[in-house]
Amino acid sequence: MQLLIVLLIAASLAFIPATIANNKGREFFPWWFLGFLLFIVALPLSLALKPDEESIEFERARRGMAKCRYCAEYIKGEAVVCRFCGRDQPANEIDALYPALTVTQAAEHVGYSTAKVQGMLDAGGFPHAFYEEDGQVLIPVVDLETGGGD
């Protein structure tokens, strides 16, 4: 019974260095395991770790964060104004680089009938197609130019 209590305490304490290391861009489980086995070693090591900037940037981008182009602080990707420097953010550059068309516009763009483009869409022929809030489907031009993403 005492061994079980000691193991539960060790498992709980192991979350401390694992969380610290994870916040610095490192994998959680290896640090939890090290903390479980050698908490007295794992805690100072996790505190001394330098942040892995590449992993942290990747995670922020995955969560939809973007850097303000004026002050370089991370803000929500949909932000119109930076909460740190107060400057207006430019329109989404991805929308400008990869414009999207409605089904009718896409059919005109490639010279197909609207029904054929809709059939291709239903069959999964445009892997990057997306729906707007009003329910209208948009097909990126890049999908049309690559033959539907094949």
N, C-alpha and C. Protein backbone atom coordinates (compact mmCIF):
# COMPACT_ATOMS: atom_id res chain seq x y z
N MET A 1 0.82 -1.19 0.00
CA MET A 1 0.00 0.00 0.00
C MET A 1 0.87 1.26 0.00
N GLN A 2 1.95 1.23 0.80
CA GLN A 2 2.84 2.39 0.83
C GLN A 2 3.55 2.58 -0.50
N LEU A 3 3.90 1.47 -1.15
CA LEU A 3 4.55 1.55 -2.46
C LEU A 3 3.62 2.19 -3.48
N LEU A 4 2.34 1.86 -3.42
CA LEU A 4 1.36 2.44 -4.33
C LEU A 4 1.26 3.95 -4.12
N ILE A 5 1.26 4.38 -2.89
CA ILE A 5 1.19 5.81 -2.58
C ILE A 5 2.44 6.52 -3.10
N VAL A 6 3.61 5.93 -2.91
CA VAL A 6 4.86 6.52 -3.39
C VAL A 6 4.84 6.62 -4.92
N LEU A 7 4.35 5.57 -5.60
CA LEU A 7 4.27 5.60 -7.07
C LEU A 7 3.29 6.66 -7.56
N LEU A 8 2.17 6.83 -6.87
CA LEU A 8 1.20 7.86 -7.25
C LEU A 8 1.78 9.27 -7.06
N ILE A 9 2.50 9.45 -5.98
CA ILE A 9 3.14 10.76 -5.74
C ILE A 9 4.21 11.02 -6.79
N ALA A 10 5.01 10.01 -7.12
CA ALA A 10 6.05 10.16 -8.15
C ALA A 10 5.43 10.47 -9.50
N ALA A 11 4.33 9.78 -9.83
CA ALA A 11 3.66 10.02 -11.11
C ALA A 11 3.09 11.43 -11.16
N SER A 12 2.56 11.91 -10.05
CA SER A 12 2.01 13.27 -10.00
C SER A 12 3.10 14.32 -10.10
N LEU A 13 4.19 14.12 -9.37
CA LEU A 13 5.30 15.08 -9.41
C LEU A 13 5.96 15.13 -10.78
N ALA A 14 5.92 14.02 -11.50
CA ALA A 14 6.54 13.95 -12.83
C ALA A 14 5.89 14.91 -13.81
N PHE A 15 4.65 15.33 -13.54
CA PHE A 15 3.97 16.28 -14.42
C PHE A 15 4.65 17.65 -14.40
N ILE A 16 5.34 17.98 -13.33
CA ILE A 16 5.96 19.31 -13.23
C ILE A 16 7.08 19.49 -14.26
N PRO A 17 8.13 18.65 -14.26
CA PRO A 17 9.16 18.84 -15.27
C PRO A 17 8.65 18.59 -16.70
N ALA A 18 7.70 17.66 -16.84
CA ALA A 18 7.16 17.37 -18.17
C ALA A 18 6.41 18.57 -18.74
N THR A 19 5.65 19.26 -17.91
CA THR A 19 4.92 20.44 -18.36
C THR A 19 5.87 21.58 -18.68
N ILE A 20 6.88 21.77 -17.86
CA ILE A 20 7.87 22.82 -18.12
C ILE A 20 8.58 22.56 -19.45
N ALA A 21 9.02 21.33 -19.66
CA ALA A 21 9.72 20.98 -20.90
C ALA A 21 8.78 21.10 -22.10
N ASN A 22 7.53 20.69 -21.94
CA ASN A 22 6.56 20.78 -23.03
C ASN A 22 6.29 22.22 -23.42
N ASN A 23 6.25 23.11 -22.46
CA ASN A 23 6.06 24.54 -22.75
C ASN A 23 7.27 25.14 -23.45
N LYS A 24 8.39 24.46 -23.38
CA LYS A 24 9.60 24.93 -24.08
C LYS A 24 9.79 24.20 -25.40
N GLY A 25 8.74 23.49 -25.87
CA GLY A 25 8.78 22.86 -27.17
C GLY A 25 9.31 21.45 -27.19
N ARG A 26 9.43 20.80 -26.05
CA ARG A 26 9.94 19.43 -25.99
C ARG A 26 8.77 18.46 -25.84
N GLU A 27 9.04 17.18 -26.12
CA GLU A 27 8.02 16.14 -26.00
C GLU A 27 7.65 15.94 -24.52
N PHE A 28 6.36 15.73 -24.26
CA PHE A 28 5.87 15.61 -22.89
C PHE A 28 6.26 14.28 -22.25
N PHE A 29 5.98 13.15 -22.94
CA PHE A 29 6.13 11.85 -22.30
C PHE A 29 7.56 11.51 -21.87
N PRO A 30 8.58 11.73 -22.71
CA PRO A 30 9.94 11.41 -22.22
C PRO A 30 10.31 12.20 -20.95
N TRP A 31 9.86 13.43 -20.88
CA TRP A 31 10.16 14.23 -19.69
C TRP A 31 9.33 13.78 -18.49
N TRP A 32 8.11 13.31 -18.75
CA TRP A 32 7.31 12.76 -17.66
C TRP A 32 7.98 11.51 -17.12
N PHE A 33 8.46 10.65 -18.03
CA PHE A 33 9.11 9.41 -17.62
C PHE A 33 10.38 9.69 -16.81
N LEU A 34 11.18 10.66 -17.30
CA LEU A 34 12.39 11.04 -16.56
C LEU A 34 12.02 11.59 -15.18
N GLY A 35 10.97 12.41 -15.14
CA GLY A 35 10.52 12.96 -13.87
C GLY A 35 9.99 11.90 -12.93
N PHE A 36 9.37 10.88 -13.49
CA PHE A 36 8.86 9.77 -12.67
C PHE A 36 10.01 8.99 -12.05
N LEU A 37 11.06 8.75 -12.86
CA LEU A 37 12.20 7.98 -12.36
C LEU A 37 13.14 8.80 -11.50
N LEU A 38 13.45 10.02 -11.96
CA LEU A 38 14.45 10.86 -11.29
C LEU A 38 13.98 12.31 -11.21
N PHE A 39 12.98 12.55 -10.40
CA PHE A 39 12.41 13.89 -10.30
C PHE A 39 13.46 14.93 -9.93
N ILE A 40 14.36 14.59 -9.02
CA ILE A 40 15.37 15.52 -8.53
C ILE A 40 16.33 15.95 -9.64
N VAL A 41 16.47 15.14 -10.69
CA VAL A 41 17.32 15.47 -11.83
C VAL A 41 16.49 16.16 -12.92
N ALA A 42 15.27 15.66 -13.16
CA ALA A 42 14.43 16.16 -14.25
C ALA A 42 14.00 17.61 -14.04
N LEU A 43 13.69 17.98 -12.80
CA LEU A 43 13.21 19.34 -12.54
C LEU A 43 14.26 20.39 -12.88
N PRO A 44 15.49 20.31 -12.36
CA PRO A 44 16.47 21.33 -12.74
C PRO A 44 16.82 21.31 -14.23
N LEU A 45 16.84 20.11 -14.84
CA LEU A 45 17.13 20.03 -16.27
C LEU A 45 16.03 20.72 -17.09
N SER A 46 14.79 20.50 -16.73
CA SER A 46 13.70 21.13 -17.48
C SER A 46 13.70 22.64 -17.30
N LEU A 47 14.10 23.10 -16.12
CA LEU A 47 14.19 24.55 -15.89
C LEU A 47 15.35 25.17 -16.67
N ALA A 48 16.42 24.41 -16.86
CA ALA A 48 17.60 24.93 -17.55
C ALA A 48 17.48 24.83 -19.08
N LEU A 49 16.50 24.10 -19.57
CA LEU A 49 16.33 23.94 -21.02
C LEU A 49 16.13 25.27 -21.71
N LYS A 50 16.73 25.41 -22.86
CA LYS A 50 16.45 26.57 -23.70
C LYS A 50 15.24 26.23 -24.56
N PRO A 51 14.35 27.19 -24.79
CA PRO A 51 13.17 26.92 -25.61
C PRO A 51 13.56 26.53 -27.04
N ASP A 52 12.86 25.56 -27.59
CA ASP A 52 13.03 25.16 -28.98
C ASP A 52 12.10 26.04 -29.82
N GLU A 53 12.64 27.15 -30.31
CA GLU A 53 11.84 28.17 -30.99
C GLU A 53 11.10 27.60 -32.20
N GLU A 54 11.73 26.69 -32.93
CA GLU A 54 11.10 26.13 -34.12
C GLU A 54 9.84 25.34 -33.76
N SER A 55 9.92 24.53 -32.72
CA SER A 55 8.77 23.75 -32.28
C SER A 55 7.66 24.65 -31.75
N ILE A 56 8.05 25.68 -31.02
CA ILE A 56 7.06 26.60 -30.46
C ILE A 56 6.36 27.36 -31.59
N GLU A 57 7.13 27.83 -32.59
CA GLU A 57 6.53 28.53 -33.72
C GLU A 57 5.60 27.62 -34.49
N PHE A 58 6.01 26.37 -34.71
CA PHE A 58 5.16 25.42 -35.42
C PHE A 58 3.85 25.20 -34.67
N GLU A 59 3.92 25.04 -33.37
CA GLU A 59 2.71 24.82 -32.56
C GLU A 59 1.79 26.03 -32.61
N ARG A 60 2.35 27.22 -32.53
CA ARG A 60 1.53 28.43 -32.61
C ARG A 60 0.87 28.55 -33.97
N ALA A 61 1.59 28.23 -35.03
CA ALA A 61 1.01 28.29 -36.37
C ALA A 61 -0.09 27.24 -36.51
N ARG A 62 0.12 26.08 -35.91
CA ARG A 62 -0.90 25.03 -35.95
C ARG A 62 -2.18 25.47 -35.25
N ARG A 63 -2.04 26.27 -34.22
CA ARG A 63 -3.20 26.77 -33.48
C ARG A 63 -3.79 28.03 -34.10
N GLY A 64 -3.28 28.45 -35.26
CA GLY A 64 -3.86 29.59 -35.96
C GLY A 64 -3.28 30.94 -35.54
N MET A 65 -2.16 30.94 -34.86
CA MET A 65 -1.53 32.18 -34.45
C MET A 65 -0.64 32.69 -35.58
N ALA A 66 -0.43 33.99 -35.63
CA ALA A 66 0.44 34.59 -36.64
C ALA A 66 1.24 35.70 -35.98
N LYS A 67 2.41 35.99 -36.55
CA LYS A 67 3.23 37.08 -36.03
C LYS A 67 2.75 38.39 -36.62
N CYS A 68 2.65 39.40 -35.78
CA CYS A 68 2.36 40.74 -36.27
C CYS A 68 3.57 41.18 -37.09
N ARG A 69 3.33 41.68 -38.28
CA ARG A 69 4.47 42.05 -39.13
C ARG A 69 5.15 43.34 -38.67
N TYR A 70 4.57 44.02 -37.68
CA TYR A 70 5.16 45.28 -37.20
C TYR A 70 5.93 45.10 -35.89
N CYS A 71 5.36 44.33 -34.94
CA CYS A 71 6.04 44.18 -33.64
C CYS A 71 6.51 42.76 -33.38
N ALA A 72 6.18 41.81 -34.25
CA ALA A 72 6.62 40.42 -34.18
C ALA A 72 6.05 39.64 -32.99
N GLU A 73 5.01 40.15 -32.36
CA GLU A 73 4.34 39.41 -31.29
C GLU A 73 3.30 38.49 -31.92
N TYR A 74 2.99 37.37 -31.25
CA TYR A 74 2.00 36.44 -31.78
C TYR A 74 0.60 36.91 -31.45
N ILE A 75 -0.24 36.91 -32.47
CA ILE A 75 -1.64 37.30 -32.33
C ILE A 75 -2.48 36.24 -33.03
N LYS A 76 -3.79 36.27 -32.80
CA LYS A 76 -4.68 35.34 -33.49
C LYS A 76 -4.63 35.62 -34.98
N GLY A 77 -4.72 34.57 -35.78
CA GLY A 77 -4.62 34.69 -37.22
C GLY A 77 -5.72 35.55 -37.82
N GLU A 78 -6.88 35.61 -37.19
CA GLU A 78 -8.01 36.39 -37.70
C GLU A 78 -7.99 37.84 -37.23
N ALA A 79 -7.00 38.21 -36.42
CA ALA A 79 -6.97 39.55 -35.84
C ALA A 79 -6.86 40.62 -36.93
N VAL A 80 -7.62 41.69 -36.75
CA VAL A 80 -7.58 42.82 -37.68
C VAL A 80 -6.61 43.88 -37.15
N VAL A 81 -6.49 43.95 -35.82
CA VAL A 81 -5.60 44.91 -35.16
C VAL A 81 -4.74 44.14 -34.16
N CYS A 82 -3.45 44.44 -34.12
CA CYS A 82 -2.55 43.79 -33.17
C CYS A 82 -2.86 44.29 -31.76
N ARG A 83 -3.00 43.37 -30.82
CA ARG A 83 -3.31 43.78 -29.44
C ARG A 83 -2.10 44.34 -28.71
N PHE A 84 -0.90 44.16 -29.27
CA PHE A 84 0.31 44.65 -28.63
C PHE A 84 0.68 46.05 -29.11
N CYS A 85 0.75 46.23 -30.44
CA CYS A 85 1.19 47.53 -30.97
C CYS A 85 0.02 48.37 -31.47
N GLY A 86 -1.17 47.77 -31.63
CA GLY A 86 -2.35 48.52 -32.03
C GLY A 86 -2.42 48.84 -33.52
N ARG A 87 -1.54 48.29 -34.33
CA ARG A 87 -1.54 48.59 -35.76
C ARG A 87 -2.47 47.64 -36.51
N ASP A 88 -3.07 48.16 -37.57
CA ASP A 88 -3.95 47.36 -38.42
C ASP A 88 -3.13 46.28 -39.12
N GLN A 89 -3.70 45.11 -39.22
CA GLN A 89 -3.04 43.99 -39.89
C GLN A 89 -3.49 43.94 -41.35
N PRO A 90 -2.58 43.60 -42.26
CA PRO A 90 -2.96 43.51 -43.67
C PRO A 90 -3.94 42.36 -43.87
N ALA A 91 -4.67 42.41 -44.98
CA ALA A 91 -5.60 41.33 -45.31
C ALA A 91 -4.83 40.02 -45.41
N ASN A 92 -5.52 38.94 -45.20
CA ASN A 92 -4.90 37.63 -45.23
C ASN A 92 -4.17 37.43 -46.56
N GLU A 93 -2.85 37.29 -46.48
CA GLU A 93 -2.03 37.16 -47.69
C GLU A 93 -2.28 35.83 -48.38
N ILE A 94 -2.68 34.81 -47.66
CA ILE A 94 -2.95 33.52 -48.28
C ILE A 94 -4.14 33.63 -49.22
N ASP A 95 -5.17 34.40 -48.82
CA ASP A 95 -6.32 34.59 -49.70
C ASP A 95 -5.90 35.27 -50.99
N ALA A 96 -4.94 36.19 -50.91
CA ALA A 96 -4.49 36.87 -52.12
C ALA A 96 -3.65 35.94 -52.99
N LEU A 97 -2.84 35.07 -52.37
CA LEU A 97 -2.01 34.16 -53.13
C LEU A 97 -2.81 33.00 -53.73
N TYR A 98 -3.82 32.55 -53.02
CA TYR A 98 -4.62 31.41 -53.47
C TYR A 98 -6.09 31.80 -53.50
N PRO A 99 -6.50 32.58 -54.50
CA PRO A 99 -7.91 32.97 -54.56
C PRO A 99 -8.81 31.76 -54.78
N ALA A 100 -10.04 31.86 -54.32
CA ALA A 100 -10.99 30.76 -54.45
C ALA A 100 -12.21 31.24 -55.22
N LEU A 101 -12.83 30.31 -55.93
CA LEU A 101 -13.97 30.62 -56.78
C LEU A 101 -15.18 29.79 -56.36
N THR A 102 -16.37 30.30 -56.68
CA THR A 102 -17.58 29.51 -56.48
C THR A 102 -17.61 28.42 -57.53
N VAL A 103 -18.54 27.48 -57.40
CA VAL A 103 -18.63 26.39 -58.37
C VAL A 103 -18.89 26.94 -59.76
N THR A 104 -19.78 27.92 -59.88
CA THR A 104 -20.08 28.50 -61.19
C THR A 104 -18.85 29.19 -61.78
N GLN A 105 -18.16 29.98 -60.97
CA GLN A 105 -16.94 30.66 -61.44
C GLN A 105 -15.87 29.65 -61.81
N ALA A 106 -15.75 28.57 -61.03
CA ALA A 106 -14.75 27.54 -61.32
C ALA A 106 -15.06 26.86 -62.65
N ALA A 107 -16.35 26.60 -62.92
CA ALA A 107 -16.73 25.97 -64.18
C ALA A 107 -16.35 26.86 -65.36
N GLU A 108 -16.60 28.15 -65.22
CA GLU A 108 -16.23 29.09 -66.28
C GLU A 108 -14.71 29.15 -66.45
N HIS A 109 -13.99 29.08 -65.34
CA HIS A 109 -12.53 29.18 -65.36
C HIS A 109 -11.89 28.02 -66.14
N VAL A 110 -12.43 26.81 -65.96
CA VAL A 110 -11.84 25.64 -66.61
C VAL A 110 -12.58 25.22 -67.87
N GLY A 111 -13.72 25.85 -68.16
CA GLY A 111 -14.48 25.53 -69.37
C GLY A 111 -15.33 24.29 -69.26
N TYR A 112 -15.71 23.88 -68.04
CA TYR A 112 -16.59 22.73 -67.84
C TYR A 112 -17.98 23.23 -67.51
N SER A 113 -18.93 22.31 -67.51
CA SER A 113 -20.27 22.69 -67.07
C SER A 113 -20.28 22.75 -65.55
N THR A 114 -21.23 23.49 -65.02
CA THR A 114 -21.35 23.59 -63.56
C THR A 114 -21.61 22.21 -62.95
N ALA A 115 -22.41 21.39 -63.63
CA ALA A 115 -22.72 20.05 -63.13
C ALA A 115 -21.46 19.18 -63.05
N LYS A 116 -20.57 19.30 -64.04
CA LYS A 116 -19.34 18.50 -64.02
C LYS A 116 -18.44 18.93 -62.87
N VAL A 117 -18.31 20.23 -62.66
CA VAL A 117 -17.48 20.71 -61.55
C VAL A 117 -18.09 20.29 -60.22
N GLN A 118 -19.43 20.37 -60.11
CA GLN A 118 -20.09 19.94 -58.88
C GLN A 118 -19.87 18.45 -58.66
N GLY A 119 -19.91 17.64 -59.72
CA GLY A 119 -19.66 16.21 -59.61
C GLY A 119 -18.24 15.92 -59.16
N MET A 120 -17.28 16.68 -59.71
CA MET A 120 -15.88 16.52 -59.29
C MET A 120 -15.73 16.88 -57.83
N LEU A 121 -16.42 17.94 -57.41
CA LEU A 121 -16.37 18.37 -56.01
C LEU A 121 -16.94 17.29 -55.10
N ASP A 122 -18.09 16.74 -55.48
CA ASP A 122 -18.74 15.69 -54.68
C ASP A 122 -17.87 14.44 -54.58
N ALA A 123 -17.09 14.17 -55.62
CA ALA A 123 -16.23 13.00 -55.64
C ALA A 123 -14.91 13.23 -54.91
N GLY A 124 -14.73 14.41 -54.35
CA GLY A 124 -13.49 14.71 -53.63
C GLY A 124 -12.37 15.15 -54.53
N GLY A 125 -12.71 15.64 -55.71
CA GLY A 125 -11.69 16.03 -56.68
C GLY A 125 -10.97 17.31 -56.35
N PHE A 126 -11.47 18.09 -55.42
CA PHE A 126 -10.83 19.34 -55.03
C PHE A 126 -10.52 19.27 -53.54
N PRO A 127 -9.33 18.78 -53.18
CA PRO A 127 -9.02 18.52 -51.77
C PRO A 127 -8.95 19.77 -50.90
N HIS A 128 -8.78 20.94 -51.49
CA HIS A 128 -8.65 22.15 -50.68
C HIS A 128 -9.92 23.00 -50.67
N ALA A 129 -11.01 22.47 -51.24
CA ALA A 129 -12.27 23.21 -51.26
C ALA A 129 -12.74 23.42 -49.82
N PHE A 130 -13.42 24.50 -49.58
CA PHE A 130 -13.91 24.80 -48.23
C PHE A 130 -15.24 25.52 -48.31
N TYR A 131 -15.95 25.54 -47.20
CA TYR A 131 -17.25 26.18 -47.13
C TYR A 131 -17.15 27.48 -46.34
N GLU A 132 -17.80 28.49 -46.85
CA GLU A 132 -17.88 29.75 -46.12
C GLU A 132 -18.98 29.64 -45.08
N GLU A 133 -19.09 30.66 -44.23
CA GLU A 133 -20.08 30.64 -43.16
C GLU A 133 -21.50 30.55 -43.71
N ASP A 134 -21.74 31.12 -44.89
CA ASP A 134 -23.09 31.08 -45.46
C ASP A 134 -23.38 29.75 -46.16
N GLY A 135 -22.44 28.80 -46.12
CA GLY A 135 -22.65 27.49 -46.69
C GLY A 135 -22.20 27.35 -48.13
N GLN A 136 -21.74 28.42 -48.74
CA GLN A 136 -21.29 28.37 -50.13
C GLN A 136 -19.90 27.75 -50.20
N VAL A 137 -19.73 26.84 -51.15
CA VAL A 137 -18.45 26.16 -51.30
C VAL A 137 -17.54 27.01 -52.19
N LEU A 138 -16.26 27.06 -51.83
CA LEU A 138 -15.27 27.77 -52.63
C LEU A 138 -14.16 26.79 -53.00
N ILE A 139 -13.71 26.88 -54.23
CA ILE A 139 -12.66 26.00 -54.73
C ILE A 139 -11.44 26.86 -55.03
N PRO A 140 -10.30 26.59 -54.39
CA PRO A 140 -9.09 27.37 -54.68
C PRO A 140 -8.66 27.21 -56.13
N VAL A 141 -8.22 28.29 -56.75
CA VAL A 141 -7.77 28.28 -58.13
C VAL A 141 -6.63 27.29 -58.30
N VAL A 142 -5.78 27.15 -57.30
CA VAL A 142 -4.64 26.23 -57.39
C VAL A 142 -5.14 24.79 -57.62
N ASP A 143 -6.29 24.41 -57.05
CA ASP A 143 -6.85 23.09 -57.31
C ASP A 143 -7.29 22.96 -58.76
N LEU A 144 -7.86 24.01 -59.31
CA LEU A 144 -8.33 23.97 -60.70
C LEU A 144 -7.16 23.85 -61.66
N GLU A 145 -6.08 24.52 -61.34
CA GLU A 145 -4.93 24.54 -62.26
C GLU A 145 -4.12 23.25 -62.20
N THR A 146 -4.29 22.48 -61.13
CA THR A 146 -3.59 21.20 -61.02
C THR A 146 -4.51 20.04 -61.36
N GLY A 147 -5.63 20.33 -62.00
CA GLY A 147 -6.54 19.27 -62.39
C GLY A 147 -7.29 18.66 -61.23
N GLY A 148 -7.60 19.46 -60.22
CA GLY A 148 -8.35 18.95 -59.08
C GLY A 148 -7.48 18.33 -58.01
N GLY A 149 -6.20 18.65 -58.00
CA GLY A 149 -5.32 18.17 -56.94
C GLY A 149 -4.76 16.79 -57.20
N ASP A 150 -4.90 16.26 -58.44
CA ASP A 150 -4.37 14.92 -58.76
C ASP A 150 -2.88 14.93 -58.84
